[in-house]
Amino acid sequence: GMASPVGNGNNSQGTLDLSSLEAIATDAAALVQHLNLFVCNNGLTE
């Protein structure tokens, strides 16, 4: 995660909520397909 702007690195604002990705992470191909669509607009090469 990213620390608060005035923190010294020990004061985290938290990490990303990856629960939606974790729900499909047992299937690597489905996970990558999901990320490719929603993050890259299907722009990743094969």
ModelCIF file with pLDDT and N, C-alpha, C, O atoms, coordinates in Angstrom:
data_MODEL
#
_entry.id   MODEL 
#
_entity.id                         1 
_entity.type                       polymer 
_entity.pdbx_number_of_molecules   1 
#
_entity_poly.entity_id                      1 
_entity_poly.type                           'polypeptide(L)' 
_entity_poly.nstd_linkage                   no 
_entity_poly.nstd_monomer                   no 
_entity_poly.pdbx_seq_one_letter_code       GMASPVGNGNNSQGTLDLSSLEAIATDAAALVQHLNLFVCNNGLTE 
_entity_poly.pdbx_seq_one_letter_code_can   GMASPVGNGNNSQGTLDLSSLEAIATDAAALVQHLNLFVCNNGLTE 
_entity_poly.pdbx_strand_id                 A 
#
loop_
_entity_poly_seq.entity_id 
_entity_poly_seq.num 
_entity_poly_seq.mon_id 
_entity_poly_seq.hetero 
1 1  GLY n 
1 2  MET n 
1 3  ALA n 
1 4  SER n 
1 5  PRO n 
1 6  VAL n 
1 7  GLY n 
1 8  ASN n 
1 9  GLY n 
1 10 ASN n 
1 11 ASN n 
1 12 SER n 
1 13 GLN n 
1 14 GLY n 
1 15 THR n 
1 16 LEU n 
1 17 ASP n 
1 18 LEU n 
1 19 SER n 
1 20 SER n 
1 21 LEU n 
1 22 GLU n 
1 23 ALA n 
1 24 ILE n 
1 25 ALA n 
1 26 THR n 
1 27 ASP n 
1 28 ALA n 
1 29 ALA n 
1 30 ALA n 
1 31 LEU n 
1 32 VAL n 
1 33 GLN n 
1 34 HIS n 
1 35 LEU n 
1 36 ASN n 
1 37 LEU n 
1 38 PHE n 
1 39 VAL n 
1 40 CYS n 
1 41 ASN n 
1 42 ASN n 
1 43 GLY n 
1 44 LEU n 
1 45 THR n 
1 46 GLU n 
#
_struct_asym.id          A 
_struct_asym.entity_id   1 
#
loop_
_ma_qa_metric.id 
_ma_qa_metric.mode 
_ma_qa_metric.name 
_ma_qa_metric.software_group_id 
_ma_qa_metric.type 
1 global pLDDT . pLDDT 
2 local  pLDDT . pLDDT 
#
_ma_qa_metric_global.metric_id      1 
_ma_qa_metric_global.metric_value   81.07 
_ma_qa_metric_global.model_id       1 
_ma_qa_metric_global.ordinal_id     1 
#
loop_
_ma_qa_metric_local.label_asym_id 
_ma_qa_metric_local.label_comp_id 
_ma_qa_metric_local.label_seq_id 
_ma_qa_metric_local.metric_id 
_ma_qa_metric_local.metric_value 
_ma_qa_metric_local.model_id 
_ma_qa_metric_local.ordinal_id 
A GLY 1  2 75.00 1 1  
A MET 2  2 69.00 1 2  
A ALA 3  2 63.00 1 3  
A SER 4  2 55.00 1 4  
A PRO 5  2 54.00 1 5  
A VAL 6  2 48.00 1 6  
A GLY 7  2 47.00 1 7  
A ASN 8  2 51.00 1 8  
A GLY 9  2 48.00 1 9  
A ASN 10 2 53.00 1 10 
A ASN 11 2 52.00 1 11 
A SER 12 2 53.00 1 12 
A GLN 13 2 57.00 1 13 
A GLY 14 2 59.00 1 14 
A THR 15 2 64.00 1 15 
A LEU 16 2 72.00 1 16 
A ASP 17 2 81.00 1 17 
A LEU 18 2 86.00 1 18 
A SER 19 2 89.00 1 19 
A SER 20 2 91.00 1 20 
A LEU 21 2 93.00 1 21 
A GLU 22 2 94.00 1 22 
A ALA 23 2 94.00 1 23 
A ILE 24 2 96.00 1 24 
A ALA 25 2 96.00 1 25 
A THR 26 2 97.00 1 26 
A ASP 27 2 97.00 1 27 
A ALA 28 2 97.00 1 28 
A ALA 29 2 98.00 1 29 
A ALA 30 2 97.00 1 30 
A LEU 31 2 97.00 1 31 
A VAL 32 2 97.00 1 32 
A GLN 33 2 97.00 1 33 
A HIS 34 2 96.00 1 34 
A LEU 35 2 95.00 1 35 
A ASN 36 2 94.00 1 36 
A LEU 37 2 94.00 1 37 
A PHE 38 2 91.00 1 38 
A VAL 39 2 89.00 1 39 
A CYS 40 2 90.00 1 40 
A ASN 41 2 90.00 1 41 
A ASN 42 2 94.00 1 42 
A GLY 43 2 92.00 1 43 
A LEU 44 2 95.00 1 44 
A THR 45 2 95.00 1 45 
A GLU 46 2 97.00 1 46 
#
loop_
_atom_site.group_PDB 
_atom_site.id 
_atom_site.type_symbol 
_atom_site.label_atom_id 
_atom_site.label_alt_id 
_atom_site.label_comp_id 
_atom_site.label_asym_id 
_atom_site.label_entity_id 
_atom_site.label_seq_id 
_atom_site.pdbx_PDB_ins_code 
_atom_site.Cartn_x 
_atom_site.Cartn_y 
_atom_site.Cartn_z 
_atom_site.occupancy 
_atom_site.B_iso_or_equiv 
_atom_site.pdbx_formal_charge 
_atom_site.auth_seq_id 
_atom_site.auth_comp_id 
_atom_site.auth_asym_id 
_atom_site.auth_atom_id 
_atom_site.pdbx_PDB_model_num 
ATOM 1   N N  . GLY A 1 1  ? 0.806   -1.208  0.000   1.00 75.00 ? 1  GLY A N  1 
ATOM 2   C CA . GLY A 1 1  ? 0.000   0.000   0.000   1.00 75.00 ? 1  GLY A CA 1 
ATOM 3   C C  . GLY A 1 1  ? 0.842   1.261   0.000   1.00 75.00 ? 1  GLY A C  1 
ATOM 4   O O  . GLY A 1 1  ? 2.070   1.219   -0.074  1.00 75.00 ? 1  GLY A O  1 
ATOM 5   N N  . MET A 1 2  ? 0.149   2.378   0.085   1.00 69.00 ? 2  MET A N  1 
ATOM 6   C CA . MET A 1 2  ? 0.781   3.697   0.084   1.00 69.00 ? 2  MET A CA 1 
ATOM 7   C C  . MET A 1 2  ? 0.652   4.290   1.476   1.00 69.00 ? 2  MET A C  1 
ATOM 8   O O  . MET A 1 2  ? -0.429  4.288   2.064   1.00 69.00 ? 2  MET A O  1 
ATOM 9   N N  . ALA A 1 3  ? 1.760   4.796   1.997   1.00 63.00 ? 3  ALA A N  1 
ATOM 10  C CA . ALA A 1 3  ? 1.739   5.415   3.325   1.00 63.00 ? 3  ALA A CA 1 
ATOM 11  C C  . ALA A 1 3  ? 1.046   6.767   3.250   1.00 63.00 ? 3  ALA A C  1 
ATOM 12  O O  . ALA A 1 3  ? 0.943   7.369   2.181   1.00 63.00 ? 3  ALA A O  1 
ATOM 13  N N  . SER A 1 4  ? 0.583   7.225   4.374   1.00 55.00 ? 4  SER A N  1 
ATOM 14  C CA . SER A 1 4  ? -0.053  8.543   4.402   1.00 55.00 ? 4  SER A CA 1 
ATOM 15  C C  . SER A 1 4  ? 0.977   9.603   4.010   1.00 55.00 ? 4  SER A C  1 
ATOM 16  O O  . SER A 1 4  ? 2.169   9.421   4.255   1.00 55.00 ? 4  SER A O  1 
ATOM 17  N N  . PRO A 1 5  ? 0.535   10.701  3.408   1.00 54.00 ? 5  PRO A N  1 
ATOM 18  C CA . PRO A 1 5  ? 1.475   11.716  2.917   1.00 54.00 ? 5  PRO A CA 1 
ATOM 19  C C  . PRO A 1 5  ? 2.416   12.265  3.979   1.00 54.00 ? 5  PRO A C  1 
ATOM 20  O O  . PRO A 1 5  ? 3.535   12.669  3.661   1.00 54.00 ? 5  PRO A O  1 
ATOM 21  N N  . VAL A 1 6  ? 1.987   12.287  5.220   1.00 48.00 ? 6  VAL A N  1 
ATOM 22  C CA . VAL A 1 6  ? 2.851   12.829  6.272   1.00 48.00 ? 6  VAL A CA 1 
ATOM 23  C C  . VAL A 1 6  ? 3.493   11.735  7.100   1.00 48.00 ? 6  VAL A C  1 
ATOM 24  O O  . VAL A 1 6  ? 4.213   12.021  8.057   1.00 48.00 ? 6  VAL A O  1 
ATOM 25  N N  . GLY A 1 7  ? 3.240   10.488  6.744   1.00 47.00 ? 7  GLY A N  1 
ATOM 26  C CA . GLY A 1 7  ? 3.784   9.367   7.501   1.00 47.00 ? 7  GLY A CA 1 
ATOM 27  C C  . GLY A 1 7  ? 5.223   9.094   7.162   1.00 47.00 ? 7  GLY A C  1 
ATOM 28  O O  . GLY A 1 7  ? 5.777   9.672   6.227   1.00 47.00 ? 7  GLY A O  1 
ATOM 29  N N  . ASN A 1 8  ? 5.816   8.222   7.916   1.00 51.00 ? 8  ASN A N  1 
ATOM 30  C CA . ASN A 1 8  ? 7.216   7.869   7.694   1.00 51.00 ? 8  ASN A CA 1 
ATOM 31  C C  . ASN A 1 8  ? 7.352   6.485   7.071   1.00 51.00 ? 8  ASN A C  1 
ATOM 32  O O  . ASN A 1 8  ? 8.433   5.897   7.110   1.00 51.00 ? 8  ASN A O  1 
ATOM 33  N N  . GLY A 1 9  ? 6.273   5.956   6.498   1.00 48.00 ? 9  GLY A N  1 
ATOM 34  C CA . GLY A 1 9  ? 6.331   4.639   5.895   1.00 48.00 ? 9  GLY A CA 1 
ATOM 35  C C  . GLY A 1 9  ? 5.744   3.568   6.780   1.00 48.00 ? 9  GLY A C  1 
ATOM 36  O O  . GLY A 1 9  ? 5.534   2.444   6.324   1.00 48.00 ? 9  GLY A O  1 
ATOM 37  N N  . ASN A 1 10 ? 5.474   3.881   8.024   1.00 53.00 ? 10 ASN A N  1 
ATOM 38  C CA . ASN A 1 10 ? 4.879   2.904   8.933   1.00 53.00 ? 10 ASN A CA 1 
ATOM 39  C C  . ASN A 1 10 ? 3.380   3.135   9.087   1.00 53.00 ? 10 ASN A C  1 
ATOM 40  O O  . ASN A 1 10 ? 2.692   2.377   9.771   1.00 53.00 ? 10 ASN A O  1 
ATOM 41  N N  . ASN A 1 11 ? 2.890   4.169   8.457   1.00 52.00 ? 11 ASN A N  1 
ATOM 42  C CA . ASN A 1 11 ? 1.534   4.632   8.645   1.00 52.00 ? 11 ASN A CA 1 
ATOM 43  C C  . ASN A 1 11 ? 0.734   4.362   7.367   1.00 52.00 ? 11 ASN A C  1 
ATOM 44  O O  . ASN A 1 11 ? 0.399   5.304   6.648   1.00 52.00 ? 11 ASN A O  1 
ATOM 45  N N  . SER A 1 12 ? 0.429   3.128   7.077   1.00 53.00 ? 12 SER A N  1 
ATOM 46  C CA . SER A 1 12 ? -0.158  2.747   5.796   1.00 53.00 ? 12 SER A CA 1 
ATOM 47  C C  . SER A 1 12 ? -1.599  3.201   5.656   1.00 53.00 ? 12 SER A C  1 
ATOM 48  O O  . SER A 1 12 ? -2.373  3.187   6.614   1.00 53.00 ? 12 SER A O  1 
ATOM 49  N N  . GLN A 1 13 ? -1.942  3.606   4.433   1.00 57.00 ? 13 GLN A N  1 
ATOM 50  C CA . GLN A 1 13 ? -3.328  3.900   4.091   1.00 57.00 ? 13 GLN A CA 1 
ATOM 51  C C  . GLN A 1 13 ? -4.037  2.616   3.682   1.00 57.00 ? 13 GLN A C  1 
ATOM 52  O O  . GLN A 1 13 ? -5.227  2.631   3.366   1.00 57.00 ? 13 GLN A O  1 
ATOM 53  N N  . GLY A 1 14 ? -3.318  1.528   3.688   1.00 59.00 ? 14 GLY A N  1 
ATOM 54  C CA . GLY A 1 14 ? -3.904  0.243   3.334   1.00 59.00 ? 14 GLY A CA 1 
ATOM 55  C C  . GLY A 1 14 ? -3.511  -0.209  1.939   1.00 59.00 ? 14 GLY A C  1 
ATOM 56  O O  . GLY A 1 14 ? -3.056  0.575   1.106   1.00 59.00 ? 14 GLY A O  1 
ATOM 57  N N  . THR A 1 15 ? -3.697  -1.469  1.719   1.00 64.00 ? 15 THR A N  1 
ATOM 58  C CA . THR A 1 15 ? -3.391  -2.040  0.416   1.00 64.00 ? 15 THR A CA 1 
ATOM 59  C C  . THR A 1 15 ? -4.656  -2.067  -0.422  1.00 64.00 ? 15 THR A C  1 
ATOM 60  O O  . THR A 1 15 ? -5.742  -1.734  0.051   1.00 64.00 ? 15 THR A O  1 
ATOM 61  N N  . LEU A 1 16 ? -4.500  -2.462  -1.648  1.00 72.00 ? 16 LEU A N  1 
ATOM 62  C CA . LEU A 1 16 ? -5.637  -2.566  -2.556  1.00 72.00 ? 16 LEU A CA 1 
ATOM 63  C C  . LEU A 1 16 ? -6.601  -3.647  -2.087  1.00 72.00 ? 16 LEU A C  1 
ATOM 64  O O  . LEU A 1 16 ? -6.187  -4.648  -1.504  1.00 72.00 ? 16 LEU A O  1 
ATOM 65  N N  . ASP A 1 17 ? -7.871  -3.442  -2.342  1.00 81.00 ? 17 ASP A N  1 
ATOM 66  C CA . ASP A 1 17 ? -8.869  -4.478  -2.060  1.00 81.00 ? 17 ASP A CA 1 
ATOM 67  C C  . ASP A 1 17 ? -8.898  -5.408  -3.273  1.00 81.00 ? 17 ASP A C  1 
ATOM 68  O O  . ASP A 1 17 ? -9.452  -5.070  -4.319  1.00 81.00 ? 17 ASP A O  1 
ATOM 69  N N  . LEU A 1 18 ? -8.305  -6.561  -3.114  1.00 86.00 ? 18 LEU A N  1 
ATOM 70  C CA . LEU A 1 18 ? -8.197  -7.517  -4.217  1.00 86.00 ? 18 LEU A CA 1 
ATOM 71  C C  . LEU A 1 18 ? -9.222  -8.646  -4.107  1.00 86.00 ? 18 LEU A C  1 
ATOM 72  O O  . LEU A 1 18 ? -9.080  -9.675  -4.768  1.00 86.00 ? 18 LEU A O  1 
ATOM 73  N N  . SER A 1 19 ? -10.245 -8.463  -3.282  1.00 89.00 ? 19 SER A N  1 
ATOM 74  C CA . SER A 1 19 ? -11.198 -9.551  -3.047  1.00 89.00 ? 19 SER A CA 1 
ATOM 75  C C  . SER A 1 19 ? -11.886 -10.023 -4.326  1.00 89.00 ? 19 SER A C  1 
ATOM 76  O O  . SER A 1 19 ? -12.134 -11.220 -4.476  1.00 89.00 ? 19 SER A O  1 
ATOM 77  N N  . SER A 1 20 ? -12.199 -9.121  -5.246  1.00 91.00 ? 20 SER A N  1 
ATOM 78  C CA . SER A 1 20 ? -12.843 -9.551  -6.488  1.00 91.00 ? 20 SER A CA 1 
ATOM 79  C C  . SER A 1 20 ? -11.880 -10.377 -7.345  1.00 91.00 ? 20 SER A C  1 
ATOM 80  O O  . SER A 1 20 ? -12.306 -11.290 -8.052  1.00 91.00 ? 20 SER A O  1 
ATOM 81  N N  . LEU A 1 21 ? -10.590 -10.060 -7.283  1.00 93.00 ? 21 LEU A N  1 
ATOM 82  C CA . LEU A 1 21 ? -9.593  -10.842 -8.025  1.00 93.00 ? 21 LEU A CA 1 
ATOM 83  C C  . LEU A 1 21 ? -9.331  -12.172 -7.327  1.00 93.00 ? 21 LEU A C  1 
ATOM 84  O O  . LEU A 1 21 ? -9.167  -13.200 -7.983  1.00 93.00 ? 21 LEU A O  1 
ATOM 85  N N  . GLU A 1 22 ? -9.293  -12.151 -6.014  1.00 94.00 ? 22 GLU A N  1 
ATOM 86  C CA . GLU A 1 22 ? -9.058  -13.380 -5.257  1.00 94.00 ? 22 GLU A CA 1 
ATOM 87  C C  . GLU A 1 22 ? -10.172 -14.396 -5.499  1.00 94.00 ? 22 GLU A C  1 
ATOM 88  O O  . GLU A 1 22 ? -9.935  -15.603 -5.437  1.00 94.00 ? 22 GLU A O  1 
ATOM 89  N N  . ALA A 1 23 ? -11.387 -13.915 -5.774  1.00 94.00 ? 23 ALA A N  1 
ATOM 90  C CA . ALA A 1 23 ? -12.520 -14.807 -6.016  1.00 94.00 ? 23 ALA A CA 1 
ATOM 91  C C  . ALA A 1 23 ? -12.333 -15.652 -7.270  1.00 94.00 ? 23 ALA A C  1 
ATOM 92  O O  . ALA A 1 23 ? -12.920 -16.728 -7.383  1.00 94.00 ? 23 ALA A O  1 
ATOM 93  N N  . ILE A 1 24 ? -11.525 -15.181 -8.210  1.00 96.00 ? 24 ILE A N  1 
ATOM 94  C CA . ILE A 1 24 ? -11.301 -15.941 -9.451  1.00 96.00 ? 24 ILE A CA 1 
ATOM 95  C C  . ILE A 1 24 ? -9.849  -16.392 -9.602  1.00 96.00 ? 24 ILE A C  1 
ATOM 96  O O  . ILE A 1 24 ? -9.478  -16.949 -10.635 1.00 96.00 ? 24 ILE A O  1 
ATOM 97  N N  . ALA A 1 25 ? -9.029  -16.156 -8.584  1.00 96.00 ? 25 ALA A N  1 
ATOM 98  C CA . ALA A 1 25 ? -7.588  -16.392 -8.688  1.00 96.00 ? 25 ALA A CA 1 
ATOM 99  C C  . ALA A 1 25 ? -7.189  -17.857 -8.772  1.00 96.00 ? 25 ALA A C  1 
ATOM 100 O O  . ALA A 1 25 ? -6.057  -18.153 -9.152  1.00 96.00 ? 25 ALA A O  1 
ATOM 101 N N  . THR A 1 26 ? -8.078  -18.784 -8.431  1.00 97.00 ? 26 THR A N  1 
ATOM 102 C CA . THR A 1 26 ? -7.711  -20.200 -8.568  1.00 97.00 ? 26 THR A CA 1 
ATOM 103 C C  . THR A 1 26 ? -7.584  -20.580 -10.037 1.00 97.00 ? 26 THR A C  1 
ATOM 104 O O  . THR A 1 26 ? -6.891  -21.542 -10.368 1.00 97.00 ? 26 THR A O  1 
ATOM 105 N N  . ASP A 1 27 ? -8.240  -19.842 -10.917 1.00 97.00 ? 27 ASP A N  1 
ATOM 106 C CA . ASP A 1 27 ? -8.160  -20.062 -12.369 1.00 97.00 ? 27 ASP A CA 1 
ATOM 107 C C  . ASP A 1 27 ? -7.309  -18.943 -12.960 1.00 97.00 ? 27 ASP A C  1 
ATOM 108 O O  . ASP A 1 27 ? -7.806  -17.844 -13.209 1.00 97.00 ? 27 ASP A O  1 
ATOM 109 N N  . ALA A 1 28 ? -6.022  -19.223 -13.185 1.00 97.00 ? 28 ALA A N  1 
ATOM 110 C CA . ALA A 1 28 ? -5.087  -18.197 -13.644 1.00 97.00 ? 28 ALA A CA 1 
ATOM 111 C C  . ALA A 1 28 ? -5.520  -17.568 -14.964 1.00 97.00 ? 28 ALA A C  1 
ATOM 112 O O  . ALA A 1 28 ? -5.403  -16.355 -15.138 1.00 97.00 ? 28 ALA A O  1 
ATOM 113 N N  . ALA A 1 29 ? -6.009  -18.366 -15.879 1.00 98.00 ? 29 ALA A N  1 
ATOM 114 C CA . ALA A 1 29 ? -6.433  -17.834 -17.179 1.00 98.00 ? 29 ALA A CA 1 
ATOM 115 C C  . ALA A 1 29 ? -7.613  -16.881 -17.011 1.00 98.00 ? 29 ALA A C  1 
ATOM 116 O O  . ALA A 1 29 ? -7.651  -15.831 -17.651 1.00 98.00 ? 29 ALA A O  1 
ATOM 117 N N  . ALA A 1 30 ? -8.566  -17.230 -16.166 1.00 97.00 ? 30 ALA A N  1 
ATOM 118 C CA . ALA A 1 30 ? -9.723  -16.361 -15.927 1.00 97.00 ? 30 ALA A CA 1 
ATOM 119 C C  . ALA A 1 30 ? -9.289  -15.064 -15.255 1.00 97.00 ? 30 ALA A C  1 
ATOM 120 O O  . ALA A 1 30 ? -9.804  -13.991 -15.571 1.00 97.00 ? 30 ALA A O  1 
ATOM 121 N N  . LEU A 1 31 ? -8.344  -15.164 -14.333 1.00 97.00 ? 31 LEU A N  1 
ATOM 122 C CA . LEU A 1 31 ? -7.825  -13.990 -13.641 1.00 97.00 ? 31 LEU A CA 1 
ATOM 123 C C  . LEU A 1 31 ? -7.178  -13.029 -14.631 1.00 97.00 ? 31 LEU A C  1 
ATOM 124 O O  . LEU A 1 31 ? -7.467  -11.833 -14.624 1.00 97.00 ? 31 LEU A O  1 
ATOM 125 N N  . VAL A 1 32 ? -6.307  -13.553 -15.475 1.00 97.00 ? 32 VAL A N  1 
ATOM 126 C CA . VAL A 1 32 ? -5.609  -12.713 -16.451 1.00 97.00 ? 32 VAL A CA 1 
ATOM 127 C C  . VAL A 1 32 ? -6.593  -12.150 -17.472 1.00 97.00 ? 32 VAL A C  1 
ATOM 128 O O  . VAL A 1 32 ? -6.481  -10.989 -17.864 1.00 97.00 ? 32 VAL A O  1 
ATOM 129 N N  . GLN A 1 33 ? -7.545  -12.955 -17.899 1.00 97.00 ? 33 GLN A N  1 
ATOM 130 C CA . GLN A 1 33 ? -8.563  -12.471 -18.839 1.00 97.00 ? 33 GLN A CA 1 
ATOM 131 C C  . GLN A 1 33 ? -9.353  -11.313 -18.218 1.00 97.00 ? 33 GLN A C  1 
ATOM 132 O O  . GLN A 1 33 ? -9.625  -10.316 -18.888 1.00 97.00 ? 33 GLN A O  1 
ATOM 133 N N  . HIS A 1 34 ? -9.713  -11.445 -16.963 1.00 96.00 ? 34 HIS A N  1 
ATOM 134 C CA . HIS A 1 34 ? -10.444 -10.395 -16.242 1.00 96.00 ? 34 HIS A CA 1 
ATOM 135 C C  . HIS A 1 34 ? -9.614  -9.112  -16.171 1.00 96.00 ? 34 HIS A C  1 
ATOM 136 O O  . HIS A 1 34 ? -10.112 -8.031  -16.488 1.00 96.00 ? 34 HIS A O  1 
ATOM 137 N N  . LEU A 1 35 ? -8.357  -9.229  -15.760 1.00 95.00 ? 35 LEU A N  1 
ATOM 138 C CA . LEU A 1 35 ? -7.484  -8.057  -15.679 1.00 95.00 ? 35 LEU A CA 1 
ATOM 139 C C  . LEU A 1 35 ? -7.248  -7.441  -17.051 1.00 95.00 ? 35 LEU A C  1 
ATOM 140 O O  . LEU A 1 35 ? -7.241  -6.218  -17.193 1.00 95.00 ? 35 LEU A O  1 
ATOM 141 N N  . ASN A 1 36 ? -7.058  -8.271  -18.046 1.00 94.00 ? 36 ASN A N  1 
ATOM 142 C CA . ASN A 1 36 ? -6.847  -7.773  -19.397 1.00 94.00 ? 36 ASN A CA 1 
ATOM 143 C C  . ASN A 1 36 ? -8.047  -6.941  -19.853 1.00 94.00 ? 36 ASN A C  1 
ATOM 144 O O  . ASN A 1 36 ? -7.879  -5.872  -20.439 1.00 94.00 ? 36 ASN A O  1 
ATOM 145 N N  . LEU A 1 37 ? -9.236  -7.427  -19.586 1.00 94.00 ? 37 LEU A N  1 
ATOM 146 C CA . LEU A 1 37 ? -10.442 -6.707  -19.997 1.00 94.00 ? 37 LEU A CA 1 
ATOM 147 C C  . LEU A 1 37 ? -10.635 -5.421  -19.200 1.00 94.00 ? 37 LEU A C  1 
ATOM 148 O O  . LEU A 1 37 ? -10.824 -4.355  -19.785 1.00 94.00 ? 37 LEU A O  1 
ATOM 149 N N  . PHE A 1 38 ? -10.589 -5.509  -17.876 1.00 91.00 ? 38 PHE A N  1 
ATOM 150 C CA . PHE A 1 38 ? -10.957 -4.369  -17.048 1.00 91.00 ? 38 PHE A CA 1 
ATOM 151 C C  . PHE A 1 38 ? -9.836  -3.377  -16.779 1.00 91.00 ? 38 PHE A C  1 
ATOM 152 O O  . PHE A 1 38 ? -10.106 -2.222  -16.450 1.00 91.00 ? 38 PHE A O  1 
ATOM 153 N N  . VAL A 1 39 ? -8.594  -3.800  -16.910 1.00 89.00 ? 39 VAL A N  1 
ATOM 154 C CA . VAL A 1 39 ? -7.481  -2.891  -16.657 1.00 89.00 ? 39 VAL A CA 1 
ATOM 155 C C  . VAL A 1 39 ? -6.814  -2.453  -17.958 1.00 89.00 ? 39 VAL A C  1 
ATOM 156 O O  . VAL A 1 39 ? -6.347  -1.320  -18.075 1.00 89.00 ? 39 VAL A O  1 
ATOM 157 N N  . CYS A 1 40 ? -6.775  -3.360  -18.934 1.00 90.00 ? 40 CYS A N  1 
ATOM 158 C CA . CYS A 1 40 ? -6.043  -3.073  -20.170 1.00 90.00 ? 40 CYS A CA 1 
ATOM 159 C C  . CYS A 1 40 ? -6.931  -2.942  -21.403 1.00 90.00 ? 40 CYS A C  1 
ATOM 160 O O  . CYS A 1 40 ? -6.421  -2.794  -22.514 1.00 90.00 ? 40 CYS A O  1 
ATOM 161 N N  . ASN A 1 41 ? -8.242  -2.994  -21.229 1.00 90.00 ? 41 ASN A N  1 
ATOM 162 C CA . ASN A 1 41 ? -9.152  -2.903  -22.365 1.00 90.00 ? 41 ASN A CA 1 
ATOM 163 C C  . ASN A 1 41 ? -8.773  -3.916  -23.455 1.00 90.00 ? 41 ASN A C  1 
ATOM 164 O O  . ASN A 1 41 ? -8.768  -3.593  -24.643 1.00 90.00 ? 41 ASN A O  1 
ATOM 165 N N  . ASN A 1 42 ? -8.457  -5.138  -23.030 1.00 94.00 ? 42 ASN A N  1 
ATOM 166 C CA . ASN A 1 42 ? -8.031  -6.226  -23.917 1.00 94.00 ? 42 ASN A CA 1 
ATOM 167 C C  . ASN A 1 42 ? -6.796  -5.872  -24.745 1.00 94.00 ? 42 ASN A C  1 
ATOM 168 O O  . ASN A 1 42 ? -6.673  -6.286  -25.897 1.00 94.00 ? 42 ASN A O  1 
ATOM 169 N N  . GLY A 1 43 ? -5.889  -5.109  -24.152 1.00 92.00 ? 43 GLY A N  1 
ATOM 170 C CA . GLY A 1 43 ? -4.699  -4.660  -24.871 1.00 92.00 ? 43 GLY A CA 1 
ATOM 171 C C  . GLY A 1 43 ? -3.468  -5.520  -24.714 1.00 92.00 ? 43 GLY A C  1 
ATOM 172 O O  . GLY A 1 43 ? -2.471  -5.282  -25.396 1.00 92.00 ? 43 GLY A O  1 
ATOM 173 N N  . LEU A 1 44 ? -3.497  -6.531  -23.825 1.00 95.00 ? 44 LEU A N  1 
ATOM 174 C CA . LEU A 1 44 ? -2.325  -7.396  -23.663 1.00 95.00 ? 44 LEU A CA 1 
ATOM 175 C C  . LEU A 1 44 ? -2.179  -8.313  -24.864 1.00 95.00 ? 44 LEU A C  1 
ATOM 176 O O  . LEU A 1 44 ? -3.169  -8.782  -25.427 1.00 95.00 ? 44 LEU A O  1 
ATOM 177 N N  . THR A 1 45 ? -0.940  -8.562  -25.250 1.00 95.00 ? 45 THR A N  1 
ATOM 178 C CA . THR A 1 45 ? -0.692  -9.519  -26.332 1.00 95.00 ? 45 THR A CA 1 
ATOM 179 C C  . THR A 1 45 ? -0.873  -10.936 -25.798 1.00 95.00 ? 45 THR A C  1 
ATOM 180 O O  . THR A 1 45 ? -0.914  -11.151 -24.587 1.00 95.00 ? 45 THR A O  1 
ATOM 181 N N  . GLU A 1 46 ? -0.980  -11.884 -26.696 1.00 97.00 ? 46 GLU A N  1 
ATOM 182 C CA . GLU A 1 46 ? -1.091  -13.293 -26.295 1.00 97.00 ? 46 GLU A CA 1 
ATOM 183 C C  . GLU A 1 46 ? 0.137   -13.736 -25.505 1.00 97.00 ? 46 GLU A C  1 
ATOM 184 O O  . GLU A 1 46 ? 0.218   -14.890 -25.085 1.00 97.00 ? 46 GLU A O  1 
#
